[in-house]
Amino acid sequence: MRVTVTGATGLIGAKLVAALMARGDEVTVLSRDPASARDKLGHAVTAVAWDPSAGPAPTEALAGRDGVVHLAGEPVAQRWNDAVKARIRDSRATGTRNLVAGLEASDPRPSVLVSASAVGYYGPHGAEQVTEETPPGSDFLAGVCITWEHEAVAAADLGMRVARIRTGVVLDPDGGALAKMLPPFKLGAGGPVAGGRQYMPWIHADDLVGLYLAALDGDERWSGPLNGSAPTPVTNADFSKALGRALHRPAVAPVPRLALKLLYGEMEQIVTTGQRAVPAKPLELGFAYRHPQLDEALRAALG
């Protein structure tokens, strides 16, 4: 395949590009800094300059490609204030709108767009099981995801198949939530957060990459939302115990909600609430998880 990827130098983007290259695909990446992208991803990739906030994606990077994977967006895992929330929202809304504008102008046009989203789409749900059929929530992150997906779905009006992968907590020690959790847990100072009853939909990075490849390669059934999570969501308390086992460290030091509020500001809500999201649609379509159980997945992620 000939595939274009945005957000290619991020945690998942770099792994996805490596997987595409390993199977012989021709990869183009859209980046604000093409030279830096080539240095990180390898000079076999074609890197084209694009600022997602500045205007439509260049057709030279889209026309004639078979598919596009859209991962670009301001990181969510940081301390929120009004300016950060605006960047999180606008990077996804404007960036996706400008990508679709570039696709509209491309000839021949790719046949599929696989766009990132997040399980934050559903908002807090306690212990209730959440599938792709569950309606959206009403908090800030849910609103971001609603707008993000709305802009991506516009590509369907261009005749493209559109899949949206609603990602949970990605297990990778080099970035994301797990990387932030490791230092205290390695010191034996980790433990359940805010009581630990909230659910964590998690997924090993390799399985998330595999899900993107399956959505890219799939037929019309691989359209619409897909929960990017493992089949076995766990509570934060159970996740903490499993991470302690993987590191051979105790994991009983509770983290109060106030401490998270001081550290992350308003973002603490996505750590202290959560969703019991299950990947109903990937399982229905026969997606085979390499790491479906948490203990093994953590051992694999931590090497």
Protein backbone atom coordinates (compact mmCIF):
# COMPACT_ATOMS: atom_id res chain seq x y z
CA MET A 1 0.00 0.00 0.00
CA ARG A 2 0.89 3.66 -0.31
CA VAL A 3 0.03 5.26 3.04
CA THR A 4 0.24 8.82 4.39
CA VAL A 5 0.55 9.33 8.15
CA THR A 6 0.14 12.49 10.23
CA GLY A 7 1.53 12.64 13.76
CA ALA A 8 4.11 10.13 12.58
CA THR A 9 6.85 11.08 15.06
CA GLY A 10 4.63 10.55 18.11
CA LEU A 11 4.55 7.45 20.30
CA ILE A 12 2.10 5.46 18.16
CA GLY A 13 2.95 7.15 14.86
CA ALA A 14 6.59 6.05 14.93
CA LYS A 15 5.63 2.45 15.72
CA LEU A 16 2.98 2.46 13.00
CA VAL A 17 5.41 3.82 10.40
CA ALA A 18 7.93 1.11 11.36
CA ALA A 19 5.25 -1.57 10.99
CA LEU A 20 4.16 -0.24 7.60
CA MET A 21 7.75 -0.12 6.37
CA ALA A 22 8.45 -3.62 7.69
CA ARG A 23 5.67 -5.07 5.57
CA GLY A 24 6.86 -3.23 2.46
CA ASP A 25 4.43 -0.32 2.29
CA GLU A 26 5.41 3.05 0.81
CA VAL A 27 5.06 5.66 3.56
CA THR A 28 4.65 9.43 3.32
CA VAL A 29 4.53 11.51 6.50
CA LEU A 30 3.16 14.99 6.99
CA SER A 31 5.24 16.97 9.49
CA ARG A 32 5.97 20.53 10.56
CA ASP A 33 9.67 19.56 10.40
CA PRO A 34 10.26 17.10 7.53
CA ALA A 35 14.03 16.89 8.11
CA SER A 36 13.55 15.95 11.75
CA ALA A 37 10.87 13.42 10.80
CA ARG A 38 13.23 11.72 8.34
CA ASP A 39 15.97 11.62 10.96
CA LYS A 40 13.65 9.91 13.44
CA LEU A 41 11.76 7.61 11.08
CA GLY A 42 14.42 6.79 8.51
CA HIS A 43 15.21 8.29 5.14
CA ALA A 44 13.15 5.65 3.34
CA VAL A 45 10.04 7.63 4.25
CA THR A 46 8.90 10.61 2.20
CA ALA A 47 8.38 13.62 4.47
CA VAL A 48 6.29 16.59 3.35
CA ALA A 49 5.90 19.87 5.26
CA TRP A 50 2.49 20.66 6.74
CA ASP A 51 1.32 22.78 9.65
CA PRO A 52 -2.15 21.38 10.50
CA SER A 53 -3.30 24.73 11.89
CA ALA A 54 -2.20 26.77 8.87
CA GLY A 55 -4.20 25.40 5.96
CA PRO A 56 -5.21 22.36 3.87
CA ALA A 57 -2.88 19.38 3.75
CA PRO A 58 -0.75 19.35 0.57
CA THR A 59 -2.24 17.22 -2.17
CA GLU A 60 1.23 16.04 -3.20
CA ALA A 61 1.25 13.94 0.00
CA LEU A 62 -2.30 12.60 -0.49
CA ALA A 63 -3.11 12.14 -4.17
CA GLY A 64 -2.53 8.60 -5.39
CA ARG A 65 -2.23 7.12 -1.90
CA ASP A 66 -4.31 4.14 -0.85
CA GLY A 67 -4.98 5.30 2.70
CA VAL A 68 -4.34 7.98 5.32
CA VAL A 69 -3.82 7.57 9.07
CA HIS A 70 -4.42 10.74 11.08
CA LEU A 71 -2.75 10.85 14.51
CA ALA A 72 -1.72 14.51 14.86
CA GLY A 73 -2.92 16.47 17.88
CA GLU A 74 -1.76 18.34 20.98
CA PRO A 75 -0.96 15.88 23.83
CA VAL A 76 -3.80 15.51 26.33
CA ALA A 77 -1.61 14.27 29.21
CA GLN A 78 -0.41 17.62 30.57
CA ARG A 79 -1.59 20.15 33.12
CA TRP A 80 -4.72 21.79 31.76
CA ASN A 81 -5.43 25.50 31.76
CA ASP A 82 -7.54 27.54 29.35
CA ALA A 83 -4.71 27.92 26.84
CA VAL A 84 -3.81 24.22 26.90
CA LYS A 85 -7.46 23.18 26.52
CA ALA A 86 -7.79 25.50 23.53
CA ARG A 87 -4.71 23.89 21.91
CA ILE A 88 -6.04 20.39 22.60
CA ARG A 89 -9.40 21.24 21.03
CA ASP A 90 -8.19 23.35 18.11
CA SER A 91 -5.34 21.04 17.08
CA ARG A 92 -7.86 18.26 16.55
CA ALA A 93 -10.74 20.24 15.07
CA THR A 94 -8.74 22.53 12.78
CA GLY A 95 -6.10 19.93 11.93
CA THR A 96 -8.66 17.31 10.92
CA ARG A 97 -10.71 19.86 8.97
CA ASN A 98 -7.58 20.94 7.06
CA LEU A 99 -6.65 17.32 6.37
CA VAL A 100 -10.09 16.64 4.88
CA ALA A 101 -9.80 19.83 2.81
CA GLY A 102 -6.57 18.47 1.36
CA LEU A 103 -8.24 15.14 0.67
CA GLU A 104 -11.10 16.88 -1.13
CA ALA A 105 -8.61 18.55 -3.47
CA SER A 106 -6.66 15.34 -4.15
CA ASP A 107 -7.02 13.32 -7.34
CA PRO A 108 -6.96 10.37 -7.25
CA ARG A 109 -8.17 10.38 -3.67
CA PRO A 110 -7.24 7.76 -1.04
CA SER A 111 -10.00 5.25 -0.34
CA VAL A 112 -9.72 5.14 3.47
CA LEU A 113 -9.08 7.50 6.38
CA VAL A 114 -8.26 6.02 9.79
CA SER A 115 -8.47 8.79 12.35
CA ALA A 116 -7.49 8.74 16.01
CA SER A 117 -10.00 9.51 18.74
CA ALA A 118 -10.20 8.55 22.43
CA VAL A 119 -12.39 6.64 24.88
CA GLY A 120 -12.87 10.05 26.50
CA TYR A 121 -15.64 10.35 23.89
CA TYR A 122 -17.94 8.54 26.34
CA GLY A 123 -17.28 10.66 29.42
CA PRO A 124 -17.37 9.10 32.92
CA HIS A 125 -19.44 5.90 33.21
CA GLY A 126 -18.44 4.30 36.50
CA ALA A 127 -18.64 0.49 36.33
CA GLU A 128 -21.07 0.48 33.37
CA GLN A 129 -19.68 -1.37 30.34
CA VAL A 130 -19.11 0.94 27.40
CA THR A 131 -19.16 -0.17 23.74
CA GLU A 132 -18.97 1.69 20.45
CA GLU A 133 -22.77 2.09 20.63
CA THR A 134 -22.66 4.11 23.87
CA PRO A 135 -23.65 7.79 23.42
CA PRO A 136 -21.06 10.54 23.97
CA GLY A 137 -20.45 12.26 27.29
CA SER A 138 -20.74 15.95 28.09
CA ASP A 139 -17.41 16.89 29.68
CA PHE A 140 -14.52 18.75 28.03
CA LEU A 141 -12.72 15.73 26.57
CA ALA A 142 -15.95 14.23 25.27
CA GLY A 143 -16.67 17.52 23.50
CA VAL A 144 -13.21 17.47 21.95
CA CYS A 145 -13.72 13.92 20.68
CA ILE A 146 -17.18 14.70 19.29
CA THR A 147 -15.80 17.61 17.25
CA TRP A 148 -12.68 15.65 16.25
CA GLU A 149 -14.74 12.74 14.91
CA HIS A 150 -17.26 15.04 13.23
CA GLU A 151 -14.47 16.60 11.18
CA ALA A 152 -13.06 13.18 10.26
CA VAL A 153 -16.46 11.79 9.21
CA ALA A 154 -16.70 14.59 6.63
CA ALA A 155 -14.30 12.49 4.53
CA ALA A 156 -17.13 9.97 4.06
CA ASP A 157 -18.91 12.59 1.95
CA LEU A 158 -15.90 12.38 -0.38
CA GLY A 159 -16.54 8.66 -0.90
CA MET A 160 -13.88 7.52 1.57
CA ARG A 161 -14.25 4.79 4.18
CA VAL A 162 -13.67 6.38 7.58
CA ALA A 163 -12.68 4.51 10.77
CA ARG A 164 -12.25 6.26 14.13
CA ILE A 165 -10.15 4.50 16.77
CA ARG A 166 -11.11 5.53 20.31
CA THR A 167 -7.92 4.80 22.21
CA GLY A 168 -7.55 3.97 25.90
CA VAL A 169 -4.41 3.94 28.06
CA VAL A 170 -1.52 2.76 25.87
CA LEU A 171 1.00 0.45 27.51
CA ASP A 172 4.39 1.68 26.39
CA PRO A 173 7.21 2.65 28.78
CA ASP A 174 8.50 5.36 26.43
CA GLY A 175 5.49 7.65 26.57
CA GLY A 176 1.90 8.28 27.56
CA ALA A 177 0.31 7.41 30.89
CA LEU A 178 2.49 4.37 31.66
CA ALA A 179 5.71 6.38 31.34
CA LYS A 180 4.35 8.88 33.88
CA MET A 181 3.40 6.10 36.29
CA LEU A 182 6.69 4.21 36.21
CA PRO A 183 8.97 6.45 38.35
CA PRO A 184 6.93 6.27 41.59
CA PHE A 185 6.11 2.58 41.06
CA LYS A 186 9.79 1.74 40.55
CA LEU A 187 10.50 3.43 43.88
CA GLY A 188 7.79 1.38 45.58
CA ALA A 189 5.69 4.51 46.07
CA GLY A 190 2.95 3.71 43.56
CA GLY A 191 -0.59 2.71 44.30
CA PRO A 192 -4.28 3.22 43.55
CA VAL A 193 -5.43 6.72 42.59
CA ALA A 194 -8.38 8.39 44.32
CA GLY A 195 -9.60 5.10 45.78
CA GLY A 196 -8.85 3.08 42.64
CA ARG A 197 -12.44 2.12 41.79
CA GLN A 198 -12.44 3.86 38.40
CA TYR A 199 -11.97 1.67 35.34
CA MET A 200 -8.99 1.92 32.98
CA PRO A 201 -9.45 0.78 29.37
CA TRP A 202 -5.88 -0.18 28.43
CA ILE A 203 -4.15 -1.58 25.35
CA HIS A 204 -0.62 -2.73 24.55
CA ALA A 205 1.05 -0.45 21.98
CA ASP A 206 1.60 -3.39 19.59
CA ASP A 207 -2.11 -4.22 19.63
CA LEU A 208 -3.03 -0.59 18.98
CA VAL A 209 -0.71 -0.53 15.96
CA GLY A 210 -2.24 -3.82 14.84
CA LEU A 211 -5.71 -2.31 15.12
CA TYR A 212 -4.70 0.65 12.95
CA LEU A 213 -3.30 -1.75 10.33
CA ALA A 214 -6.48 -3.84 10.42
CA ALA A 215 -8.64 -0.74 9.97
CA LEU A 216 -6.41 0.46 7.15
CA ASP A 217 -6.51 -2.89 5.32
CA GLY A 218 -10.13 -3.78 6.07
CA ASP A 219 -13.33 -3.69 4.08
CA GLU A 220 -16.45 -1.59 4.66
CA ARG A 221 -17.13 -3.38 7.94
CA TRP A 222 -14.08 -1.56 9.31
CA SER A 223 -15.88 1.78 9.36
CA GLY A 224 -17.15 4.00 12.14
CA PRO A 225 -15.94 3.90 15.74
CA LEU A 226 -13.65 1.18 17.06
CA ASN A 227 -12.64 1.04 20.72
CA GLY A 228 -8.84 0.92 20.85
CA SER A 229 -8.69 -1.06 24.08
CA ALA A 230 -8.02 -4.60 25.26
CA PRO A 231 -10.96 -6.96 25.95
CA THR A 232 -10.31 -6.87 29.72
CA PRO A 233 -10.57 -3.38 31.25
CA VAL A 234 -9.60 -3.26 34.92
CA THR A 235 -10.01 -0.88 37.82
CA ASN A 236 -7.20 1.50 38.69
CA ALA A 237 -6.60 -0.50 41.87
CA ASP A 238 -6.19 -3.75 39.91
CA PHE A 239 -3.97 -2.01 37.36
CA SER A 240 -1.78 -0.71 40.18
CA LYS A 241 -1.40 -4.19 41.64
CA ALA A 242 -0.52 -5.63 38.22
CA LEU A 243 2.08 -2.92 37.59
CA GLY A 244 3.58 -3.58 41.02
CA ARG A 245 3.81 -7.30 40.19
CA ALA A 246 5.47 -6.57 36.85
CA LEU A 247 8.06 -4.36 38.56
CA HIS A 248 8.40 -6.59 41.66
CA ARG A 249 7.55 -3.61 43.85
CA PRO A 250 4.81 -2.94 46.40
CA ALA A 251 1.88 -0.95 45.03
CA VAL A 252 -0.13 0.04 48.06
CA ALA A 253 0.63 3.75 48.52
CA PRO A 254 -2.67 5.55 47.81
CA VAL A 255 -2.62 8.71 45.71
CA PRO A 256 -5.27 11.21 46.90
CA ARG A 257 -7.37 13.07 44.36
CA LEU A 258 -6.15 16.41 45.74
CA ALA A 259 -2.56 15.53 44.83
CA LEU A 260 -3.61 14.90 41.23
CA LYS A 261 -5.57 18.14 41.18
CA LEU A 262 -2.46 20.04 42.26
CA LEU A 263 -0.31 18.23 39.67
CA TYR A 264 -2.62 18.19 36.63
CA GLY A 265 -5.28 20.81 37.29
CA GLU A 266 -8.58 20.01 35.59
CA MET A 267 -7.02 17.07 33.74
CA GLU A 268 -7.23 15.01 36.94
CA GLN A 269 -10.85 14.23 36.02
CA ILE A 270 -9.81 11.81 33.27
CA VAL A 271 -7.55 9.95 35.74
CA THR A 272 -10.08 9.77 38.57
CA THR A 273 -13.19 8.87 36.55
CA GLY A 274 -12.62 6.62 33.51
CA GLN A 275 -14.63 4.20 31.38
CA ARG A 276 -15.12 0.44 31.37
CA ALA A 277 -14.71 0.42 27.59
CA VAL A 278 -14.63 -2.88 25.71
CA PRO A 279 -13.70 -3.36 22.02
CA ALA A 280 -17.00 -4.89 20.94
CA LYS A 281 -16.56 -4.09 17.25
CA PRO A 282 -12.92 -5.25 16.82
CA LEU A 283 -13.84 -8.53 18.55
CA GLU A 284 -16.90 -8.93 16.34
CA LEU A 285 -14.68 -8.41 13.28
CA GLY A 286 -12.25 -11.08 14.47
CA PHE A 287 -9.33 -8.89 15.51
CA ALA A 288 -6.76 -11.10 17.27
CA TYR A 289 -5.11 -9.45 20.27
CA ARG A 290 -1.48 -10.39 20.94
CA HIS A 291 -1.70 -9.14 24.54
CA PRO A 292 -5.30 -9.51 25.81
CA GLN A 293 -4.41 -10.04 29.51
CA LEU A 294 -2.96 -7.25 31.64
CA ASP A 295 -0.20 -9.08 33.53
CA GLU A 296 1.33 -10.48 30.34
CA ALA A 297 0.84 -7.21 28.50
CA LEU A 298 2.72 -5.27 31.19
CA ARG A 299 5.55 -7.82 31.21
CA ALA A 300 5.80 -7.53 27.43
CA ALA A 301 5.68 -3.72 27.49
CA LEU A 302 8.34 -3.45 30.19
CA GLY A 303 10.62 -5.93 28.46
